[in-house]
N, C-alpha and C. Protein backbone atom coordinates (compact mmCIF):
# COMPACT_ATOMS: atom_id res chain seq x y z
N MET A 1 3.34 -18.30 -0.44
CA MET A 1 2.11 -19.00 -0.61
C MET A 1 1.03 -17.98 -0.88
N THR A 2 0.90 -17.19 0.31
CA THR A 2 0.04 -16.02 0.21
C THR A 2 -0.22 -15.16 -1.13
N ILE A 3 1.16 -14.64 -1.19
CA ILE A 3 1.44 -13.80 -2.19
C ILE A 3 0.94 -14.48 -3.64
N THR A 4 1.49 -15.66 -3.82
CA THR A 4 0.82 -16.35 -5.06
C THR A 4 -0.85 -16.47 -5.20
N ARG A 5 -1.27 -16.84 -4.11
CA ARG A 5 -2.50 -16.84 -3.97
C ARG A 5 -3.21 -15.52 -4.08
N SER A 6 -2.87 -14.35 -3.82
CA SER A 6 -3.29 -13.36 -3.85
C SER A 6 -3.12 -12.74 -5.42
N VAL A 7 -2.32 -13.22 -5.86
CA VAL A 7 -1.97 -12.71 -7.57
C VAL A 7 -2.84 -13.55 -8.22
N ILE A 8 -3.17 -14.76 -8.20
CA ILE A 8 -4.00 -15.33 -9.03
C ILE A 8 -5.38 -15.22 -8.80
N ILE A 9 -5.88 -15.01 -7.46
CA ILE A 9 -7.25 -14.78 -7.19
C ILE A 9 -7.82 -13.17 -7.74
N ASN A 10 -6.62 -12.35 -7.32
CA ASN A 10 -7.10 -10.98 -7.77
C ASN A 10 -6.90 -10.83 -9.36
N GLY A 11 -6.00 -11.89 -10.03
CA GLY A 11 -5.84 -11.66 -11.52
C GLY A 11 -7.30 -12.23 -12.07
N PHE A 12 -7.88 -13.12 -11.49
CA PHE A 12 -9.18 -13.93 -12.06
C PHE A 12 -10.30 -12.67 -11.80
N VAL A 13 -10.20 -11.97 -10.68
CA VAL A 13 -11.11 -10.67 -10.53
C VAL A 13 -10.90 -9.90 -11.39
N CYS A 14 -9.71 -9.19 -11.67
CA CYS A 14 -9.43 -8.19 -12.98
C CYS A 14 -10.06 -8.90 -14.05
N SER A 15 -9.54 -10.12 -14.51
CA SER A 15 -9.97 -10.71 -15.72
C SER A 15 -11.31 -10.61 -15.86
N VAL A 16 -12.25 -10.93 -14.97
CA VAL A 16 -13.72 -11.02 -15.28
C VAL A 16 -14.17 -9.73 -15.29
N LEU A 17 -13.83 -8.97 -14.32
CA LEU A 17 -14.57 -7.62 -14.03
C LEU A 17 -14.13 -6.57 -15.27
N LEU A 18 -13.27 -7.03 -16.01
CA LEU A 18 -12.71 -5.73 -17.06
C LEU A 18 -13.26 -6.18 -18.36
N ARG A 19 -14.14 -7.33 -18.33
CA ARG A 19 -14.59 -7.69 -19.75
C ARG A 19 -15.58 -6.65 -20.19
N PRO A 20 -15.84 -6.34 -21.26
CA PRO A 20 -16.50 -5.23 -21.84
C PRO A 20 -17.93 -5.34 -21.17
N SER A 21 -18.66 -6.40 -21.37
CA SER A 21 -19.90 -6.66 -20.61
C SER A 21 -20.12 -6.40 -19.03
N MET A 22 -19.01 -6.71 -18.28
CA MET A 22 -18.81 -6.36 -17.08
C MET A 22 -18.35 -4.96 -16.37
N ARG A 23 -18.04 -4.12 -17.46
CA ARG A 23 -17.33 -2.90 -17.17
C ARG A 23 -18.18 -1.83 -16.71
N ASN A 24 -18.32 -1.60 -15.51
CA ASN A 24 -19.10 -0.40 -14.95
C ASN A 24 -18.47 0.14 -13.88
N ALA A 25 -19.04 1.39 -13.19
CA ALA A 25 -18.41 1.88 -12.05
C ALA A 25 -18.01 1.05 -10.93
N THR A 26 -19.07 0.15 -10.44
CA THR A 26 -18.85 -0.74 -9.40
C THR A 26 -17.54 -1.63 -9.88
N SER A 27 -17.55 -2.18 -10.82
CA SER A 27 -16.43 -3.18 -11.27
C SER A 27 -15.07 -2.59 -11.20
N VAL A 28 -15.05 -1.27 -11.81
CA VAL A 28 -13.91 -0.55 -11.76
C VAL A 28 -13.27 -0.40 -10.26
N LEU A 29 -14.08 -0.14 -9.31
CA LEU A 29 -13.80 0.20 -7.92
C LEU A 29 -13.22 -1.18 -7.29
N LEU A 30 -13.92 -2.41 -7.82
CA LEU A 30 -13.61 -3.61 -7.37
C LEU A 30 -12.27 -4.00 -8.00
N VAL A 31 -11.99 -3.51 -8.96
CA VAL A 31 -10.63 -3.89 -9.86
C VAL A 31 -9.57 -3.11 -8.91
N GLY A 32 -9.90 -2.05 -8.79
CA GLY A 32 -8.78 -0.95 -8.23
C GLY A 32 -8.46 -1.72 -6.75
N ALA A 33 -9.57 -2.09 -6.10
CA ALA A 33 -9.22 -2.75 -4.49
C ALA A 33 -8.45 -4.02 -4.74
N ALA A 34 -8.91 -4.63 -5.74
CA ALA A 34 -7.98 -6.00 -6.08
C ALA A 34 -6.41 -5.71 -6.66
N ILE A 35 -6.22 -4.77 -7.28
CA ILE A 35 -4.87 -4.19 -7.73
C ILE A 35 -4.01 -3.70 -6.44
N SER A 36 -4.76 -2.90 -5.50
CA SER A 36 -4.09 -2.42 -4.34
C SER A 36 -3.88 -3.86 -3.47
N ASP A 37 -4.58 -4.76 -3.40
CA ASP A 37 -4.57 -5.68 -2.49
C ASP A 37 -3.19 -6.60 -2.82
N THR A 38 -3.37 -6.77 -4.25
CA THR A 38 -1.95 -7.54 -4.98
C THR A 38 -0.69 -6.61 -4.45
N LEU A 39 -0.85 -5.55 -5.00
CA LEU A 39 0.23 -4.61 -4.65
C LEU A 39 0.91 -4.54 -3.19
N THR A 40 -0.03 -4.82 -2.34
CA THR A 40 0.41 -4.75 -0.86
C THR A 40 1.03 -6.09 -0.60
N SER A 41 0.70 -7.04 -1.36
CA SER A 41 1.73 -8.30 -0.94
C SER A 41 2.77 -8.58 -1.96
N LEU A 42 2.96 -7.94 -3.24
CA LEU A 42 3.78 -8.00 -4.14
C LEU A 42 5.09 -7.07 -4.00
N LEU A 43 4.88 -5.78 -3.17
CA LEU A 43 5.79 -4.85 -3.16
C LEU A 43 6.99 -5.22 -2.27
N PRO A 44 6.83 -5.96 -1.20
CA PRO A 44 7.86 -6.53 -0.37
C PRO A 44 8.45 -7.66 -0.89
N ALA A 45 7.63 -8.36 -1.68
CA ALA A 45 8.26 -9.48 -2.11
C ALA A 45 9.82 -9.96 -2.59
N PRO A 46 10.34 -8.93 -3.40
CA PRO A 46 11.78 -8.94 -3.92
C PRO A 46 12.63 -9.10 -2.75
N CYS A 47 12.29 -8.07 -1.69
CA CYS A 47 13.24 -7.93 -0.53
C CYS A 47 13.34 -9.23 0.24
N TYR A 48 11.79 -9.67 0.33
CA TYR A 48 11.72 -10.90 1.12
C TYR A 48 12.60 -12.03 0.54
N VAL A 49 12.21 -12.18 -0.79
CA VAL A 49 13.01 -13.41 -1.56
C VAL A 49 14.40 -13.39 -1.29
N VAL A 50 15.35 -12.05 -1.45
CA VAL A 50 16.55 -11.92 -1.40
C VAL A 50 17.15 -11.95 -0.01
N PHE A 51 16.29 -11.68 0.99
CA PHE A 51 16.69 -12.01 2.39
C PHE A 51 16.43 -13.26 2.95
N TYR A 52 15.39 -13.83 2.62
CA TYR A 52 15.02 -15.23 3.25
C TYR A 52 15.15 -16.28 2.22
N ALA A 53 15.12 -15.87 0.97
CA ALA A 53 15.45 -17.34 0.04
C ALA A 53 17.01 -17.71 -0.16
N PHE A 54 17.60 -16.39 -0.03
CA PHE A 54 19.08 -16.65 -0.05
C PHE A 54 19.85 -16.75 1.04
N GLY A 55 19.17 -16.63 2.17
CA GLY A 55 19.76 -16.95 3.60
C GLY A 55 20.46 -15.78 4.14
N ARG A 56 20.09 -14.56 3.73
CA ARG A 56 20.57 -13.35 4.13
C ARG A 56 19.87 -12.84 5.57
N HIS A 57 18.75 -13.34 5.96
CA HIS A 57 18.01 -12.91 6.96
C HIS A 57 18.82 -13.41 8.30
N ALA A 58 19.84 -14.03 8.31
CA ALA A 58 20.36 -14.64 9.71
C ALA A 58 21.31 -13.40 10.00
N ASP A 59 21.76 -12.48 9.16
CA ASP A 59 22.46 -11.16 9.38
C ASP A 59 21.70 -9.78 9.48
N TRP A 60 22.09 -8.74 9.94
CA TRP A 60 21.69 -7.53 9.82
C TRP A 60 21.41 -6.85 8.47
N ILE A 61 20.65 -5.88 8.28
CA ILE A 61 20.19 -5.54 6.90
C ILE A 61 21.67 -4.58 6.84
N PRO A 62 22.27 -4.79 5.48
CA PRO A 62 23.25 -4.01 5.07
C PRO A 62 22.80 -2.44 4.86
N PHE A 63 23.60 -1.37 5.19
CA PHE A 63 23.31 -0.15 5.05
C PHE A 63 22.96 0.13 3.69
N SER A 64 23.45 -0.58 2.54
CA SER A 64 23.23 -0.02 1.24
C SER A 64 21.63 -0.61 0.97
N TRP A 65 21.26 -1.54 1.58
CA TRP A 65 19.71 -1.84 1.47
C TRP A 65 18.65 -1.21 2.17
N CYS A 66 19.08 -0.30 3.17
CA CYS A 66 18.48 0.22 4.26
C CYS A 66 16.93 1.15 3.60
N ARG A 67 17.18 1.89 3.00
CA ARG A 67 16.24 2.70 2.21
C ARG A 67 15.18 2.07 1.51
N LEU A 68 15.89 0.93 0.64
CA LEU A 68 14.89 0.10 -0.17
C LEU A 68 14.24 -0.85 0.56
N TRP A 69 14.57 -1.42 1.54
CA TRP A 69 13.95 -2.32 2.82
C TRP A 69 12.98 -1.61 3.01
N HIS A 70 12.82 -0.25 3.86
CA HIS A 70 11.86 0.27 4.44
C HIS A 70 10.98 0.79 3.45
N TYR A 71 11.28 1.25 2.23
CA TYR A 71 10.26 1.83 1.42
C TYR A 71 9.39 0.21 0.88
N THR A 72 10.04 -0.72 0.51
CA THR A 72 9.24 -1.74 -0.11
C THR A 72 8.61 -2.53 1.09
N THR A 73 9.15 -2.54 2.24
CA THR A 73 8.50 -3.51 3.10
C THR A 73 7.48 -2.88 3.98
N GLU A 74 7.87 -1.27 4.20
CA GLU A 74 6.98 -0.64 5.14
C GLU A 74 6.27 0.30 4.41
N HIS A 75 6.65 1.17 3.75
CA HIS A 75 6.09 2.52 3.25
C HIS A 75 5.07 2.29 2.06
N LEU A 76 5.55 1.63 1.04
CA LEU A 76 4.50 1.37 -0.02
C LEU A 76 3.41 0.57 0.16
N PRO A 77 3.81 -0.82 1.03
CA PRO A 77 2.63 -1.50 1.28
C PRO A 77 1.58 -0.71 2.13
N ALA A 78 2.12 -0.04 2.98
CA ALA A 78 1.26 0.96 3.90
C ALA A 78 0.24 1.77 2.90
N VAL A 79 0.83 2.48 1.75
CA VAL A 79 0.12 3.30 0.86
C VAL A 79 -1.16 2.32 0.07
N THR A 80 -0.67 1.30 -0.42
CA THR A 80 -1.48 0.33 -1.07
C THR A 80 -2.51 -0.16 -0.12
N HIS A 81 -2.25 -0.49 1.05
CA HIS A 81 -3.11 -0.91 1.83
C HIS A 81 -4.25 0.07 2.34
N ALA A 82 -3.94 1.22 2.73
CA ALA A 82 -4.78 2.27 2.81
C ALA A 82 -5.70 2.72 1.64
N ALA A 83 -5.06 2.42 0.63
CA ALA A 83 -5.79 2.68 -0.63
C ALA A 83 -6.87 1.55 -0.92
N SER A 84 -6.61 0.41 -0.65
CA SER A 84 -7.44 -0.53 -0.60
C SER A 84 -8.65 -0.34 0.30
N VAL A 85 -8.45 -0.02 1.49
CA VAL A 85 -9.25 0.27 2.40
C VAL A 85 -10.41 1.29 2.23
N TRP A 86 -9.61 2.46 1.61
CA TRP A 86 -10.48 3.52 1.07
C TRP A 86 -11.17 3.30 -0.09
N LEU A 87 -10.91 2.54 -0.85
CA LEU A 87 -11.71 1.78 -2.12
C LEU A 87 -12.75 1.23 -1.81
N THR A 88 -12.63 0.45 -0.33
CA THR A 88 -13.82 -0.20 -0.23
C THR A 88 -14.92 0.49 0.42
N VAL A 89 -14.37 1.65 1.03
CA VAL A 89 -15.30 2.73 1.53
C VAL A 89 -15.97 3.43 0.59
N ALA A 90 -14.97 3.51 -0.39
CA ALA A 90 -15.86 4.28 -1.92
C ALA A 90 -17.05 3.37 -2.42
N LEU A 91 -16.73 2.05 -2.46
CA LEU A 91 -17.49 1.08 -2.97
C LEU A 91 -18.85 1.13 -1.70
N ALA A 92 -18.61 0.96 -0.74
CA ALA A 92 -19.80 1.10 0.13
C ALA A 92 -20.53 2.39 0.13
N ALA A 93 -19.92 3.71 -0.18
CA ALA A 93 -20.57 4.95 -0.29
C ALA A 93 -21.62 4.68 -1.48
N GLN A 94 -20.62 4.33 -2.64
CA GLN A 94 -21.50 4.05 -3.88
C GLN A 94 -23.04 3.32 -3.82
N CYS A 95 -22.54 2.20 -2.96
CA CYS A 95 -23.90 1.27 -2.96
C CYS A 95 -24.84 1.90 -2.21
N TYR A 96 -24.53 2.60 -0.92
CA TYR A 96 -25.44 3.52 -0.55
C TYR A 96 -26.15 4.52 -0.91
N VAL A 97 -25.39 5.15 -1.76
CA VAL A 97 -26.02 6.44 -2.56
C VAL A 97 -26.99 5.62 -3.58
N HIS A 98 -26.79 4.49 -4.25
CA HIS A 98 -27.62 3.96 -5.07
C HIS A 98 -29.02 3.41 -4.56
N VAL A 99 -28.64 2.93 -3.38
CA VAL A 99 -29.90 2.30 -2.77
C VAL A 99 -30.61 3.33 -1.96
N ARG A 100 -30.12 4.46 -1.53
CA ARG A 100 -30.73 5.43 -0.96
C ARG A 100 -31.59 6.33 -1.85
N HIS A 101 -30.82 6.55 -3.17
CA HIS A 101 -31.46 7.41 -4.05
C HIS A 101 -31.70 6.83 -5.21
N ALA A 102 -32.48 5.61 -5.23
CA ALA A 102 -32.76 4.86 -6.39
C ALA A 102 -33.37 5.47 -7.35
N GLY A 103 -34.30 6.39 -7.18
CA GLY A 103 -35.01 7.25 -8.11
C GLY A 103 -34.76 8.38 -8.56
N ALA A 104 -33.49 8.70 -7.99
CA ALA A 104 -33.17 10.24 -7.95
C ALA A 104 -32.85 10.71 -9.53
N GLY A 105 -32.73 9.80 -10.48
CA GLY A 105 -32.40 10.21 -11.78
C GLY A 105 -31.12 10.42 -12.35
N THR A 106 -30.83 11.22 -13.08
CA THR A 106 -29.52 11.17 -13.97
C THR A 106 -28.41 11.62 -13.06
N CYS A 107 -28.85 12.58 -12.04
CA CYS A 107 -27.74 13.31 -10.99
C CYS A 107 -26.79 12.25 -10.51
N ILE A 108 -27.21 11.01 -10.09
CA ILE A 108 -26.80 9.68 -9.16
C ILE A 108 -26.14 9.31 -10.46
N LYS A 109 -26.66 8.99 -11.28
CA LYS A 109 -25.89 8.21 -12.61
C LYS A 109 -24.76 8.88 -13.08
N CYS A 110 -24.70 10.20 -13.36
CA CYS A 110 -23.51 10.73 -13.82
C CYS A 110 -22.34 10.99 -12.68
N LEU A 111 -22.62 10.59 -11.31
CA LEU A 111 -21.55 10.53 -10.38
C LEU A 111 -21.01 9.32 -10.48
N SER A 112 -21.79 8.24 -11.17
CA SER A 112 -21.05 6.82 -11.17
C SER A 112 -20.83 6.39 -12.65
N THR A 113 -20.11 7.35 -13.22
CA THR A 113 -19.66 6.79 -14.50
C THR A 113 -17.92 6.21 -14.33
N VAL A 114 -17.73 5.34 -15.12
CA VAL A 114 -16.32 4.89 -15.14
C VAL A 114 -15.34 5.92 -14.99
N PRO A 115 -15.05 7.17 -15.88
CA PRO A 115 -14.21 8.16 -15.61
C PRO A 115 -14.31 8.95 -14.33
N ASN A 116 -15.44 9.09 -13.71
CA ASN A 116 -15.39 9.48 -12.58
C ASN A 116 -14.77 8.81 -11.33
N VAL A 117 -15.22 7.25 -11.40
CA VAL A 117 -14.69 6.45 -10.77
C VAL A 117 -13.14 6.29 -10.77
N LEU A 118 -12.62 6.42 -11.68
CA LEU A 118 -11.08 6.39 -12.13
C LEU A 118 -10.53 7.78 -11.63
N ARG A 119 -11.22 8.77 -11.54
CA ARG A 119 -10.68 9.88 -10.90
C ARG A 119 -10.66 9.63 -9.37
N VAL A 120 -11.90 9.05 -8.69
CA VAL A 120 -11.79 8.65 -7.54
C VAL A 120 -10.68 7.79 -7.15
N ILE A 121 -10.19 6.91 -7.66
CA ILE A 121 -9.16 5.82 -7.69
C ILE A 121 -7.90 6.65 -7.53
N VAL A 122 -7.68 7.61 -8.37
CA VAL A 122 -6.29 8.25 -8.18
C VAL A 122 -6.33 9.17 -7.06
N VAL A 123 -7.36 9.93 -7.01
CA VAL A 123 -7.53 10.73 -5.58
C VAL A 123 -7.33 9.88 -4.33
N VAL A 124 -7.77 8.63 -4.39
CA VAL A 124 -7.58 7.78 -3.06
C VAL A 124 -6.19 7.51 -3.06
N TYR A 125 -5.52 7.20 -4.24
CA TYR A 125 -4.02 6.75 -4.01
C TYR A 125 -3.09 7.85 -3.87
N VAL A 126 -3.38 9.25 -4.10
CA VAL A 126 -2.78 10.39 -4.04
C VAL A 126 -2.89 10.79 -2.32
N LEU A 127 -4.30 10.73 -1.95
CA LEU A 127 -4.29 10.82 -0.57
C LEU A 127 -3.85 9.89 0.43
N ALA A 128 -3.97 8.56 -0.11
CA ALA A 128 -3.06 7.60 0.52
C ALA A 128 -1.63 7.71 0.69
N PHE A 129 -1.01 8.30 -0.29
CA PHE A 129 0.60 8.33 -0.26
C PHE A 129 0.85 9.47 0.73
N LEU A 130 -0.05 10.94 0.48
CA LEU A 130 0.02 11.85 1.37
C LEU A 130 -0.02 11.67 2.77
N MET A 131 -1.10 10.64 3.16
CA MET A 131 -0.95 10.22 4.33
C MET A 131 -0.08 9.36 5.12
N THR A 132 0.39 8.82 4.42
CA THR A 132 1.83 7.91 4.86
C THR A 132 3.22 8.71 4.68
N LEU A 133 3.00 9.72 3.87
CA LEU A 133 4.29 10.85 3.88
C LEU A 133 5.03 11.30 5.01
N PRO A 134 4.08 11.63 6.07
CA PRO A 134 4.88 12.05 7.31
C PRO A 134 5.84 10.81 8.02
N ARG A 135 5.37 9.67 7.75
CA ARG A 135 6.11 8.47 8.31
C ARG A 135 7.34 8.33 7.48
N LEU A 136 7.24 8.56 6.15
CA LEU A 136 8.32 8.50 5.05
C LEU A 136 9.46 9.42 5.75
N LEU A 137 8.98 10.49 5.95
CA LEU A 137 9.87 11.86 6.03
C LEU A 137 10.40 11.77 7.65
N ASP A 138 9.76 10.97 8.28
CA ASP A 138 10.35 11.09 9.86
C ASP A 138 11.67 9.99 9.77
N ARG A 139 12.01 8.96 8.82
CA ARG A 139 12.96 8.14 9.06
C ARG A 139 14.31 8.77 8.67
N ARG A 140 15.22 8.49 9.68
CA ARG A 140 16.56 8.78 9.00
C ARG A 140 17.13 7.56 9.21
N TYR A 141 18.11 7.37 8.24
CA TYR A 141 19.03 6.05 8.19
C TYR A 141 20.37 6.40 8.51
N HIS A 142 20.96 5.47 9.44
CA HIS A 142 22.47 5.51 9.58
C HIS A 142 23.29 4.25 9.70
N SER A 143 24.60 4.52 9.42
CA SER A 143 25.16 3.10 9.22
C SER A 143 25.74 3.12 10.80
N VAL A 144 25.38 1.73 11.31
CA VAL A 144 26.09 1.45 12.42
C VAL A 144 26.84 0.35 12.69
N ARG A 145 28.08 0.67 13.32
CA ARG A 145 29.12 -0.41 13.29
C ARG A 145 28.88 -1.53 14.11
N LEU A 146 28.33 -2.56 13.50
CA LEU A 146 28.03 -3.89 14.25
C LEU A 146 28.48 -5.00 13.61
N THR A 147 29.06 -5.91 14.38
CA THR A 147 29.88 -7.00 13.87
C THR A 147 28.56 -7.79 13.24
N SER A 148 29.03 -8.32 12.31
CA SER A 148 28.15 -9.12 11.43
C SER A 148 28.18 -10.58 12.18
N ARG A 149 26.81 -11.15 12.15
CA ARG A 149 26.62 -12.52 12.81
C ARG A 149 27.01 -13.43 12.03
N VAL A 150 27.12 -13.31 10.65
CA VAL A 150 27.46 -14.47 9.72
C VAL A 150 29.02 -14.19 9.37
N ASP A 151 29.48 -13.16 8.84
CA ASP A 151 30.85 -12.73 8.73
C ASP A 151 31.55 -11.79 9.51
N PRO A 152 31.97 -12.14 10.60
CA PRO A 152 32.69 -11.55 12.01
C PRO A 152 33.48 -10.38 11.37
N GLY A 153 34.22 -10.50 10.07
CA GLY A 153 34.92 -9.64 9.46
C GLY A 153 34.50 -8.27 9.01
N THR A 154 33.04 -8.08 8.92
CA THR A 154 32.23 -7.30 8.33
C THR A 154 31.54 -6.25 9.53
N THR A 155 31.42 -5.00 8.92
CA THR A 155 30.63 -4.13 9.99
C THR A 155 29.75 -3.20 9.20
N GLY A 156 29.16 -2.19 9.61
CA GLY A 156 28.36 -1.38 8.73
C GLY A 156 27.13 -1.73 8.67
N GLN A 157 26.01 -1.80 9.68
CA GLN A 157 24.76 -2.30 9.12
C GLN A 157 23.77 -0.88 9.49
N CYS A 158 22.38 -1.46 9.12
CA CYS A 158 21.69 -0.31 8.82
C CYS A 158 20.74 0.07 10.18
N HIS A 159 20.53 1.20 10.49
CA HIS A 159 19.96 1.65 11.65
C HIS A 159 18.73 2.59 11.21
N CYS A 160 17.62 2.44 11.50
CA CYS A 160 16.73 3.33 11.35
C CYS A 160 15.85 3.78 12.38
N HIS A 161 15.77 5.16 12.49
CA HIS A 161 15.16 5.70 13.84
C HIS A 161 14.09 6.74 13.33
N ALA A 162 13.08 6.96 14.26
CA ALA A 162 12.11 7.99 13.86
C ALA A 162 12.62 9.50 14.63
N LEU A 163 12.69 10.40 14.07
CA LEU A 163 12.79 11.60 14.51
C LEU A 163 11.95 12.15 15.54
N ALA A 164 12.53 12.85 16.68
CA ALA A 164 11.89 13.30 17.83
C ALA A 164 10.77 14.23 17.47
N VAL A 165 11.07 15.08 16.39
CA VAL A 165 9.82 16.12 16.22
C VAL A 165 8.55 15.43 15.79
N MET A 166 8.70 14.62 14.85
CA MET A 166 7.52 14.11 14.42
C MET A 166 6.74 13.14 15.48
N ARG A 167 7.54 12.54 16.36
CA ARG A 167 7.19 11.66 17.40
C ARG A 167 6.39 12.60 18.44
N SER A 168 6.91 13.84 18.91
CA SER A 168 6.20 15.00 19.73
C SER A 168 4.98 15.30 19.09
N LEU A 169 4.95 15.59 17.95
CA LEU A 169 3.90 16.21 17.19
C LEU A 169 2.69 15.35 17.16
N LEU A 170 3.02 13.84 16.74
CA LEU A 170 1.93 12.97 16.93
C LEU A 170 1.48 12.74 18.19
N THR A 171 2.45 12.62 19.43
CA THR A 171 1.83 12.69 20.75
C THR A 171 0.79 13.80 21.00
N ARG A 172 1.34 15.02 20.40
CA ARG A 172 0.32 16.15 20.82
C ARG A 172 -1.15 15.95 20.07
N VAL A 173 -0.80 15.40 18.92
CA VAL A 173 -2.23 15.21 18.03
C VAL A 173 -3.14 14.37 18.81
N ALA A 174 -2.41 13.08 19.09
CA ALA A 174 -3.25 12.12 19.92
C ALA A 174 -3.83 12.45 21.02
N MET A 175 -3.26 13.45 21.81
CA MET A 175 -3.73 13.76 23.05
C MET A 175 -5.07 14.74 23.09
N LEU A 176 -5.11 15.26 21.74
CA LEU A 176 -6.26 16.08 21.43
C LEU A 176 -7.80 15.74 21.52
């Protein structure tokens, strides 16, 4: 229900803000945030449908689904959520600059053009991906021999764990 609501509402937001009469730097940032929010809920949806709608949630995650499950339910939604938050911060910064320097002239206007805002959106997505990259590289996937909860004759389920190197590095950084 939440996914459907997100797609419908953000679809309306995009359709209104992308009209030629509404297209400006602020509306492009809002559309970028709406698309990020929609992707945050849409990316894990296929795995959730397969596992919960078809009754596979009662068993362990099969090893063949391990990477796909973690990429689509953890990593990619983290990227799009971070991008959404940073686009909101960019929108607030843009509003601050416009209010603070209202009479500054063409310098502020040249920074708030649609092509420059599109560049900001691309940079935000690249930075969001790079920010979550250590978490992606920190994961290792192993097949673990566990008896299935549904079909006792099968084994070989997914086990994902973080590497000790990344954990110790993050602990040292957090202590600074």
